[in-house]
Amino acid sequence: MSESAKTLTSSAEFDSTAYIDAIGEAARTSAAAMARASTSEKNAALIGIARKIENSREAILSANAEDVANAAGLDKAFVDRLLLDEKRISAMAEGLRIIAELADPIGETTELCYRPTGIQIGKMRVPLGVVGVIYESRPNVTADAAALCLKAGNSAILRGGSEALLSNAAIAKCIRAGLDEAGLPQAAVQVLDTIDRSAVGALLRAHEWVDVIVPRGGKSLIRRVMDEAKMPVIKHLDGVCHVFIEEHADLKKAFDVAVNSKTQRYGTCNTMETLLVADPISAAVLPSLIHAYCEAGVELRGCPATCAIDSRVNPAAEEDWFEEYLAPILAIRIVDDLDDAIDHIRRYGSQHTDSIVTEDLGAGRRFLSEVDSSSVMLNASTRFADGFEYGLGAEIGISTDKFHARGPVGLTGLTSQKWIVIGDGHVRT
């Protein structure tokens, strides 16, 4: 733990407002520098940060091991999100390099046209300014969020969870070094080095410094941000994701998609939490799926018709259809048809990610059109709802809102547009 973190954590007189004001002012100043930074300067910083992370993997792993040891006793999904290993560190560096290769959105001008008066108008893409990110567990978010904010010409204030304090500090050191080598201000990315919870409240009130807040974590964190933030929020509250196996589904595709959507990784927001199966195909598809889930150690909770197929399925309660388990637990419901499946998703879903497995093109098109979620899929695992898989390089989060950004939020989601007007001495008459 850094000396400042020790002081801030132990001090009974910690002034969170003054602390955030100092960080916010530095971020605002840095945002002006980032807005005019060239693409080559930003890319040099990203590549430099990637190299620093790779060269510092031993220090990062050591810090993470201490964080994981301090988290002993917490649930497996939580520890999985906290854990770093060689593969995840390499993925962090790869994500930084991929973002460096992406087209720079800043300065992109679109919709240029001449008006009858002779002026030319259009829209120019610009940074948001200062982006605050509050997140839990996953220390890789520190690198991902920093990279996306930097490439989009923003400065960032990052507040990771106390459980990952040492891991985040080790990654932040690499970020500062990469920025400095590229000639960009180190304050363009600041990671809060206190675990004092009052700092979160102060950050959420700091609308004069912070232009937008992005929360990533559990429902209680996101609810708090929604309730207290004095600036716009990009967020999703729940990830109650569905796979619907329609009666015209290919059985092999259905099996593969349904198993992968649940078991590839349990503690993520795009993991399937409810499996819906059309009644005409249920007897053909569910026995093998139930066996596969039980073999993987997944607890099953089902409707009466599902329970009748296999005694290993426990009866589901009404609240199970609303539940984001983030654990090896799955709810299964047999539905009448496509309309019944869509109605179920409309009632119980969270507008995050939902998928249909079918060979009926008409049913697939209806599902894609009528299911009102940020990602809707045909014959694909819900686990693909991810910024990296969508070609965004990485994501700063997933939004289930309908304004500004929806779905995985990458570079474009961290920018805005302004109108530009070009004249030649034109005046309005």
Protein backbone atom coordinates (compact mmCIF):
# COMPACT_ATOMS: atom_id res chain seq x y z
CA MET A 1 0.00 0.00 0.00
CA SER A 2 1.31 3.44 -0.88
CA GLU A 3 2.22 5.88 1.88
CA SER A 4 -0.64 8.16 0.86
CA ALA A 5 -3.07 5.24 0.99
CA LYS A 6 -1.86 4.35 4.49
CA THR A 7 -2.36 7.92 5.62
CA LEU A 8 -5.75 8.34 4.01
CA THR A 9 -6.98 5.00 5.26
CA SER A 10 -5.91 5.57 8.86
CA SER A 11 -6.66 9.25 9.27
CA ALA A 12 -9.78 10.07 11.25
CA GLU A 13 -9.67 13.59 9.79
CA PHE A 14 -9.65 12.55 6.13
CA ASP A 15 -11.34 15.29 4.11
CA SER A 16 -12.86 13.45 1.16
CA THR A 17 -14.15 16.61 -0.52
CA ALA A 18 -10.73 18.27 -0.51
CA TYR A 19 -9.14 15.03 -1.70
CA ILE A 20 -11.53 14.70 -4.66
CA ASP A 21 -11.31 18.42 -5.46
CA ALA A 22 -7.53 18.16 -5.82
CA ILE A 23 -7.81 15.08 -8.02
CA GLY A 24 -10.68 16.58 -10.01
CA GLU A 25 -8.86 19.83 -10.72
CA ALA A 26 -5.83 17.90 -11.95
CA ALA A 27 -8.09 15.72 -14.09
CA ARG A 28 -9.82 18.74 -15.62
CA THR A 29 -6.48 20.33 -16.51
CA SER A 30 -5.25 17.05 -17.97
CA ALA A 31 -8.46 16.64 -19.97
CA ALA A 32 -7.64 19.81 -21.90
CA ALA A 33 -4.22 18.37 -22.76
CA MET A 34 -5.71 15.02 -23.75
CA ALA A 35 -8.31 16.66 -26.01
CA ARG A 36 -5.53 18.18 -28.12
CA ALA A 37 -3.18 15.17 -27.94
CA SER A 38 -2.34 13.63 -31.30
CA THR A 39 -3.25 10.09 -32.22
CA SER A 40 0.42 9.14 -32.27
CA GLU A 41 0.94 10.49 -28.75
CA LYS A 42 -2.05 8.57 -27.40
CA ASN A 43 -1.01 5.37 -29.15
CA ALA A 44 2.55 5.72 -27.84
CA ALA A 45 1.16 5.98 -24.31
CA LEU A 46 -1.00 2.87 -24.78
CA ILE A 47 1.85 0.82 -26.19
CA GLY A 48 4.15 2.06 -23.44
CA ILE A 49 1.63 1.09 -20.75
CA ALA A 50 1.28 -2.38 -22.30
CA ARG A 51 5.04 -2.82 -22.23
CA LYS A 52 5.26 -1.61 -18.62
CA ILE A 53 2.54 -4.09 -17.57
CA GLU A 54 4.36 -6.98 -19.22
CA ASN A 55 7.68 -5.98 -17.69
CA SER A 56 6.05 -5.57 -14.27
CA ARG A 57 4.10 -8.82 -14.26
CA GLU A 58 5.96 -10.18 -11.24
CA ALA A 59 5.17 -7.09 -9.18
CA ILE A 60 1.54 -7.12 -10.33
CA LEU A 61 1.13 -10.82 -9.56
CA SER A 62 2.71 -10.36 -6.16
CA ALA A 63 0.37 -7.50 -5.30
CA ASN A 64 -2.60 -9.48 -6.59
CA ALA A 65 -1.64 -12.53 -4.55
CA GLU A 66 -1.77 -10.37 -1.42
CA ASP A 67 -5.17 -9.01 -2.42
CA VAL A 68 -6.48 -12.54 -3.05
CA ALA A 69 -5.12 -13.72 0.30
CA ASN A 70 -6.91 -10.86 2.02
CA ALA A 71 -10.13 -11.94 0.24
CA ALA A 72 -10.01 -15.46 1.69
CA GLY A 73 -13.44 -16.64 2.69
CA LEU A 74 -15.33 -14.67 0.06
CA ASP A 75 -17.35 -16.51 -2.60
CA LYS A 76 -15.61 -18.15 -5.54
CA ALA A 77 -17.14 -15.87 -8.17
CA PHE A 78 -15.84 -12.81 -6.33
CA VAL A 79 -12.33 -14.25 -6.01
CA ASP A 80 -12.38 -15.27 -9.69
CA ARG A 81 -13.08 -11.67 -10.69
CA LEU A 82 -10.27 -10.46 -8.42
CA LEU A 83 -7.65 -12.99 -9.52
CA LEU A 84 -4.89 -12.12 -11.98
CA ASP A 85 -2.67 -14.70 -13.63
CA GLU A 86 -0.19 -14.76 -16.50
CA LYS A 87 -2.99 -15.16 -19.05
CA ARG A 88 -5.02 -12.23 -17.72
CA ILE A 89 -1.99 -9.95 -17.55
CA SER A 90 -1.14 -10.83 -21.15
CA ALA A 91 -4.77 -10.12 -22.07
CA MET A 92 -4.51 -6.68 -20.44
CA ALA A 93 -1.45 -5.84 -22.52
CA GLU A 94 -3.07 -7.22 -25.66
CA GLY A 95 -6.16 -5.12 -25.05
CA LEU A 96 -4.05 -1.97 -24.78
CA ARG A 97 -2.30 -2.71 -28.07
CA ILE A 98 -5.58 -3.47 -29.83
CA ILE A 99 -7.01 -0.14 -28.65
CA ALA A 100 -3.89 1.58 -29.97
CA GLU A 101 -4.61 0.04 -33.38
CA LEU A 102 -8.22 1.24 -33.47
CA ALA A 103 -9.15 4.31 -35.46
CA ASP A 104 -9.06 7.48 -33.41
CA PRO A 105 -12.63 8.83 -33.25
CA ILE A 106 -11.64 12.32 -32.11
CA GLY A 107 -12.01 14.98 -34.78
CA GLU A 108 -14.09 12.77 -37.06
CA THR A 109 -16.45 15.06 -38.96
CA THR A 110 -19.68 13.74 -40.43
CA GLU A 111 -22.88 14.94 -42.07
CA LEU A 112 -21.24 17.93 -43.71
CA CYS A 113 -23.64 19.75 -45.96
CA TYR A 114 -24.37 23.21 -47.31
CA ARG A 115 -27.43 25.14 -46.24
CA PRO A 116 -29.32 27.51 -48.60
CA THR A 117 -27.65 30.43 -46.83
CA GLY A 118 -24.24 29.20 -47.98
CA ILE A 119 -22.95 28.06 -44.58
CA GLN A 120 -21.64 24.54 -44.22
CA ILE A 121 -22.71 22.52 -41.18
CA GLY A 122 -21.67 19.16 -39.77
CA LYS A 123 -20.87 17.24 -36.62
CA MET A 124 -17.45 16.71 -35.04
CA ARG A 125 -16.67 13.94 -32.55
CA VAL A 126 -15.09 15.21 -29.33
CA PRO A 127 -14.07 13.78 -25.93
CA LEU A 128 -16.50 13.75 -23.03
CA GLY A 129 -13.86 15.35 -20.78
CA VAL A 130 -13.35 13.71 -17.38
CA VAL A 131 -14.68 10.18 -16.97
CA GLY A 132 -15.08 8.71 -13.50
CA VAL A 133 -15.12 4.91 -13.23
CA ILE A 134 -16.12 3.14 -10.00
CA TYR A 135 -15.64 -0.62 -10.06
CA GLU A 136 -15.24 -3.70 -7.90
CA SER A 137 -13.03 -6.76 -7.93
CA ARG A 138 -11.62 -6.90 -11.44
CA PRO A 139 -8.21 -5.15 -11.45
CA ASN A 140 -7.97 -5.56 -15.24
CA VAL A 141 -10.65 -2.85 -15.44
CA THR A 142 -7.96 -0.39 -14.34
CA ALA A 143 -6.04 -0.97 -17.57
CA ASP A 144 -9.11 -1.30 -19.81
CA ALA A 145 -10.80 1.85 -18.52
CA ALA A 146 -7.59 3.88 -18.65
CA ALA A 147 -6.89 2.78 -22.23
CA LEU A 148 -10.35 3.56 -23.56
CA CYS A 149 -10.53 6.93 -21.83
CA LEU A 150 -7.08 7.91 -23.11
CA LYS A 151 -7.69 6.86 -26.72
CA ALA A 152 -10.98 8.79 -26.70
CA GLY A 153 -9.12 11.91 -25.55
CA ASN A 154 -10.48 11.94 -22.00
CA SER A 155 -8.86 12.00 -18.62
CA ALA A 156 -10.00 9.42 -16.08
CA ILE A 157 -10.53 9.14 -12.34
CA LEU A 158 -10.62 5.47 -11.37
CA ARG A 159 -11.89 4.11 -8.06
CA GLY A 160 -11.38 0.36 -7.71
CA GLY A 161 -12.63 -1.74 -4.85
CA SER A 162 -10.71 -1.92 -1.59
CA GLU A 163 -10.24 -5.66 -2.18
CA ALA A 164 -8.02 -4.89 -5.21
CA LEU A 165 -6.16 -1.88 -3.80
CA LEU A 166 -2.66 -3.34 -4.16
CA SER A 167 -3.29 -4.79 -7.64
CA ASN A 168 -4.72 -1.50 -8.88
CA ALA A 169 -1.80 0.45 -7.42
CA ALA A 170 0.68 -1.78 -9.27
CA ILE A 171 -1.17 -1.32 -12.56
CA ALA A 172 -1.54 2.42 -11.96
CA LYS A 173 2.22 2.72 -11.62
CA CYS A 174 2.59 1.25 -15.12
CA ILE A 175 -0.02 3.65 -16.49
CA ARG A 176 1.75 6.70 -15.05
CA ALA A 177 5.08 5.56 -16.47
CA GLY A 178 3.59 4.98 -19.93
CA LEU A 179 1.94 8.41 -19.96
CA ASP A 180 5.11 10.12 -18.86
CA GLU A 181 7.22 8.43 -21.54
CA ALA A 182 4.73 9.57 -24.19
CA GLY A 183 4.89 13.17 -22.97
CA LEU A 184 1.30 13.17 -21.69
CA PRO A 185 0.26 14.30 -18.20
CA GLN A 186 0.36 11.56 -15.57
CA ALA A 187 -2.80 13.05 -14.05
CA ALA A 188 -4.69 12.02 -17.20
CA VAL A 189 -5.33 8.77 -15.31
CA GLN A 190 -5.65 8.92 -11.54
CA VAL A 191 -6.44 5.87 -9.41
CA LEU A 192 -7.82 6.77 -5.99
CA ASP A 193 -5.44 5.45 -3.36
CA THR A 194 -7.83 5.47 -0.43
CA ILE A 195 -10.35 2.86 0.68
CA ASP A 196 -12.32 5.46 2.63
CA ARG A 197 -15.91 5.05 1.38
CA SER A 198 -16.59 8.78 1.79
CA ALA A 199 -14.35 9.36 -1.24
CA VAL A 200 -16.95 7.64 -3.43
CA GLY A 201 -19.65 10.00 -2.22
CA ALA A 202 -17.41 12.99 -2.81
CA LEU A 203 -16.63 11.76 -6.34
CA LEU A 204 -20.33 11.32 -7.10
CA ARG A 205 -20.98 14.91 -6.02
CA ALA A 206 -18.06 16.39 -8.00
CA HIS A 207 -20.06 17.43 -11.07
CA GLU A 208 -17.84 20.47 -11.58
CA TRP A 209 -14.89 18.15 -12.26
CA VAL A 210 -16.45 14.92 -13.58
CA ASP A 211 -18.55 14.80 -16.76
CA VAL A 212 -19.82 11.22 -16.57
CA ILE A 213 -19.64 8.29 -14.13
CA VAL A 214 -19.42 4.63 -15.12
CA PRO A 215 -20.08 2.09 -12.33
CA ARG A 216 -19.00 -1.54 -12.74
CA GLY A 217 -19.84 -3.99 -10.01
CA GLY A 218 -22.63 -5.39 -7.90
CA LYS A 219 -26.18 -4.19 -7.70
CA SER A 220 -25.64 -2.27 -4.45
CA LEU A 221 -22.77 -0.26 -5.95
CA ILE A 222 -24.67 0.57 -9.13
CA ARG A 223 -27.81 1.48 -7.18
CA ARG A 224 -25.79 3.82 -4.97
CA VAL A 225 -24.24 5.51 -8.01
CA MET A 226 -27.67 5.89 -9.64
CA ASP A 227 -29.09 7.44 -6.46
CA GLU A 228 -26.22 9.78 -5.58
CA ALA A 229 -24.49 10.84 -8.80
CA LYS A 230 -24.84 14.50 -9.76
CA MET A 231 -23.62 13.83 -13.29
CA PRO A 232 -24.81 11.45 -16.06
CA VAL A 233 -24.29 7.73 -15.46
CA ILE A 234 -23.52 4.97 -17.98
CA LYS A 235 -24.58 1.70 -16.37
CA HIS A 236 -26.50 -1.54 -16.24
CA LEU A 237 -28.10 -2.72 -13.02
CA ASP A 238 -28.61 -6.45 -13.71
CA GLY A 239 -27.46 -9.07 -16.16
CA VAL A 240 -30.43 -11.46 -16.24
CA CYS A 241 -29.57 -13.05 -19.58
CA HIS A 242 -31.65 -15.66 -21.38
CA VAL A 243 -31.14 -18.33 -24.02
CA PHE A 244 -34.32 -19.47 -25.75
CA ILE A 245 -34.22 -22.81 -27.58
CA GLU A 246 -36.98 -22.49 -30.15
CA GLU A 247 -38.81 -25.55 -31.48
CA HIS A 248 -36.95 -25.45 -34.82
CA ALA A 249 -33.50 -25.34 -33.21
CA ASP A 250 -30.64 -27.56 -34.32
CA LEU A 251 -30.06 -29.83 -31.29
CA LYS A 252 -26.26 -29.69 -31.52
CA LYS A 253 -26.23 -25.89 -31.76
CA ALA A 254 -28.74 -25.65 -28.93
CA PHE A 255 -26.62 -27.85 -26.67
CA ASP A 256 -23.38 -25.99 -27.40
CA VAL A 257 -24.86 -22.50 -27.01
CA ALA A 258 -26.80 -23.33 -23.84
CA VAL A 259 -23.85 -25.02 -22.13
CA ASN A 260 -21.33 -22.32 -23.10
CA SER A 261 -23.65 -19.47 -22.13
CA LYS A 262 -23.77 -20.79 -18.57
CA THR A 263 -20.56 -22.66 -17.84
CA GLN A 264 -17.83 -20.81 -19.75
CA ARG A 265 -17.61 -18.41 -16.80
CA TYR A 266 -20.08 -17.94 -13.97
CA GLY A 267 -19.34 -14.54 -12.46
CA THR A 268 -19.94 -12.27 -15.46
CA CYS A 269 -22.90 -10.10 -16.39
CA ASN A 270 -23.31 -11.79 -19.80
CA THR A 271 -23.62 -15.30 -18.36
CA MET A 272 -27.00 -16.94 -18.98
CA GLU A 273 -29.14 -17.07 -15.84
CA THR A 274 -32.38 -18.47 -17.31
CA LEU A 275 -32.79 -21.10 -20.02
CA LEU A 276 -36.09 -21.10 -21.91
CA VAL A 277 -37.07 -24.14 -23.97
CA ALA A 278 -40.02 -24.44 -26.34
CA ASP A 279 -42.37 -27.20 -25.19
CA PRO A 280 -42.36 -29.20 -28.48
CA ILE A 281 -38.58 -29.69 -28.27
CA SER A 282 -38.16 -29.91 -24.48
CA ALA A 283 -38.16 -33.72 -24.26
CA ALA A 284 -35.47 -33.91 -26.95
CA VAL A 285 -33.13 -31.21 -25.66
CA LEU A 286 -33.42 -31.02 -21.88
CA PRO A 287 -32.23 -34.48 -20.71
CA SER A 288 -28.76 -34.07 -22.23
CA LEU A 289 -28.52 -30.44 -21.08
CA ILE A 290 -29.54 -31.27 -17.52
CA HIS A 291 -26.93 -34.03 -17.44
CA ALA A 292 -24.24 -31.65 -18.73
CA TYR A 293 -25.10 -28.98 -16.18
CA CYS A 294 -25.10 -31.47 -13.31
CA GLU A 295 -21.75 -32.83 -14.45
CA ALA A 296 -20.42 -29.25 -14.36
CA GLY A 297 -21.73 -28.75 -10.82
CA VAL A 298 -24.53 -26.36 -11.75
CA GLU A 299 -27.51 -26.25 -9.41
CA LEU A 300 -30.75 -26.35 -11.41
CA ARG A 301 -34.05 -24.73 -10.53
CA GLY A 302 -36.97 -25.31 -12.85
CA CYS A 303 -40.65 -24.98 -13.58
CA PRO A 304 -42.88 -27.98 -12.75
CA ALA A 305 -42.59 -29.35 -16.30
CA THR A 306 -38.78 -29.21 -16.10
CA CYS A 307 -38.72 -30.85 -12.67
CA ALA A 308 -40.83 -33.70 -14.08
CA ILE A 309 -38.09 -34.47 -16.63
CA ASP A 310 -35.30 -35.00 -14.08
CA SER A 311 -35.42 -35.26 -10.29
CA ARG A 312 -32.11 -33.38 -10.01
CA VAL A 313 -33.94 -30.16 -10.90
CA ASN A 314 -35.25 -28.32 -7.84
CA PRO A 315 -38.52 -26.35 -8.00
CA ALA A 316 -37.98 -22.71 -8.93
CA ALA A 317 -39.58 -19.89 -6.98
CA GLU A 318 -40.97 -16.74 -8.61
CA GLU A 319 -37.88 -14.75 -7.57
CA ASP A 320 -35.60 -17.16 -9.47
CA TRP A 321 -36.80 -15.75 -12.78
CA PHE A 322 -35.55 -12.29 -11.71
CA GLU A 323 -32.24 -13.51 -10.30
CA GLU A 324 -28.75 -12.68 -11.50
CA TYR A 325 -26.94 -15.55 -9.78
CA LEU A 326 -23.35 -14.87 -10.89
CA ALA A 327 -22.80 -18.43 -9.68
CA PRO A 328 -23.25 -22.05 -10.90
CA ILE A 329 -27.03 -21.85 -10.57
CA LEU A 330 -29.45 -21.90 -13.50
CA ALA A 331 -33.20 -21.43 -13.80
CA ILE A 332 -34.97 -23.44 -16.53
CA ARG A 333 -38.47 -22.85 -17.85
CA ILE A 334 -40.43 -24.66 -20.55
CA VAL A 335 -42.49 -22.14 -22.55
CA ASP A 336 -45.23 -22.68 -25.09
CA ASP A 337 -43.70 -20.90 -28.07
CA LEU A 338 -41.83 -17.82 -29.29
CA ASP A 339 -44.50 -15.43 -28.02
CA ASP A 340 -44.35 -16.99 -24.56
CA ALA A 341 -40.54 -16.71 -24.53
CA ILE A 342 -40.59 -13.05 -25.53
CA ASP A 343 -43.24 -12.34 -22.88
CA HIS A 344 -41.07 -14.04 -20.23
CA ILE A 345 -38.01 -12.01 -21.22
CA ARG A 346 -40.05 -8.79 -21.26
CA ARG A 347 -41.34 -9.49 -17.74
CA TYR A 348 -38.25 -10.86 -16.04
CA GLY A 349 -35.27 -9.73 -18.14
CA SER A 350 -32.91 -6.84 -17.51
CA GLN A 351 -32.46 -5.68 -21.14
CA HIS A 352 -28.87 -6.89 -21.12
CA THR A 353 -28.31 -9.88 -23.44
CA ASP A 354 -30.70 -12.50 -24.79
CA SER A 355 -30.20 -15.19 -27.43
CA ILE A 356 -32.40 -17.47 -29.53
CA VAL A 357 -31.35 -20.79 -31.03
CA THR A 358 -33.40 -21.63 -34.12
CA GLU A 359 -33.19 -22.61 -37.76
CA ASP A 360 -36.43 -20.73 -38.48
CA LEU A 361 -35.35 -17.42 -40.03
CA GLY A 362 -38.72 -15.82 -39.36
CA ALA A 363 -38.58 -16.71 -35.66
CA GLY A 364 -35.01 -15.46 -35.46
CA ARG A 365 -35.89 -12.14 -37.06
CA ARG A 366 -38.86 -11.67 -34.74
CA PHE A 367 -36.69 -12.35 -31.70
CA LEU A 368 -33.99 -9.93 -32.88
CA SER A 369 -36.60 -7.27 -33.54
CA GLU A 370 -38.93 -7.66 -30.58
CA VAL A 371 -36.62 -8.44 -27.66
CA ASP A 372 -35.70 -5.04 -26.22
CA SER A 373 -32.19 -5.71 -24.92
CA SER A 374 -28.85 -4.02 -25.50
CA SER A 375 -27.54 -7.19 -27.22
CA VAL A 376 -29.84 -9.69 -28.96
CA MET A 377 -28.33 -12.79 -30.55
CA LEU A 378 -29.20 -15.57 -32.98
CA ASN A 379 -27.51 -18.97 -32.58
CA ALA A 380 -24.70 -17.55 -30.44
CA SER A 381 -23.65 -17.70 -26.79
CA THR A 382 -24.55 -14.76 -24.56
CA ARG A 383 -20.89 -14.74 -23.49
CA PHE A 384 -20.09 -12.89 -26.73
CA ALA A 385 -21.69 -9.71 -25.31
CA ASP A 386 -18.32 -8.16 -24.63
CA GLY A 387 -16.41 -5.18 -25.96
CA PHE A 388 -13.36 -7.24 -26.94
CA GLU A 389 -15.51 -9.77 -28.82
CA TYR A 390 -17.39 -6.93 -30.56
CA GLY A 391 -14.12 -5.52 -31.88
CA LEU A 392 -14.05 -2.56 -29.51
CA GLY A 393 -10.64 -3.55 -28.15
CA ALA A 394 -12.07 -3.48 -24.66
CA GLU A 395 -15.09 -2.04 -22.95
CA ILE A 396 -15.56 0.37 -20.10
CA GLY A 397 -18.85 -1.26 -19.26
CA ILE A 398 -22.16 -2.40 -20.67
CA SER A 399 -25.07 0.00 -20.79
CA THR A 400 -28.71 -1.03 -20.78
CA ASP A 401 -29.78 2.61 -21.10
CA LYS A 402 -31.26 3.85 -24.37
CA PHE A 403 -29.57 7.24 -24.53
CA HIS A 404 -25.99 8.09 -25.48
CA ALA A 405 -24.60 4.55 -25.34
CA ARG A 406 -26.16 1.07 -25.32
CA GLY A 407 -24.53 -2.33 -25.00
CA PRO A 408 -20.74 -2.67 -24.62
CA VAL A 409 -19.30 0.85 -24.35
CA GLY A 410 -16.06 1.33 -26.25
CA LEU A 411 -14.33 4.33 -27.75
CA THR A 412 -17.34 5.93 -29.42
CA GLY A 413 -19.38 5.63 -26.22
CA LEU A 414 -16.77 7.79 -24.47
CA THR A 415 -17.17 10.63 -26.95
CA SER A 416 -19.83 13.13 -27.88
CA GLN A 417 -20.57 15.21 -30.95
CA LYS A 418 -20.81 18.95 -31.41
CA TRP A 419 -22.16 20.94 -34.30
CA ILE A 420 -19.64 22.84 -36.41
CA VAL A 421 -20.55 25.68 -38.76
CA ILE A 422 -18.21 26.91 -41.51
CA GLY A 423 -18.83 30.18 -43.22
CA ASP A 424 -16.99 32.88 -45.15
CA GLY A 425 -18.13 36.01 -43.43
CA HIS A 426 -21.77 34.89 -43.55
CA VAL A 427 -24.29 36.84 -41.48
CA ARG A 428 -27.94 36.04 -40.80
CA THR A 429 -30.50 38.36 -42.36
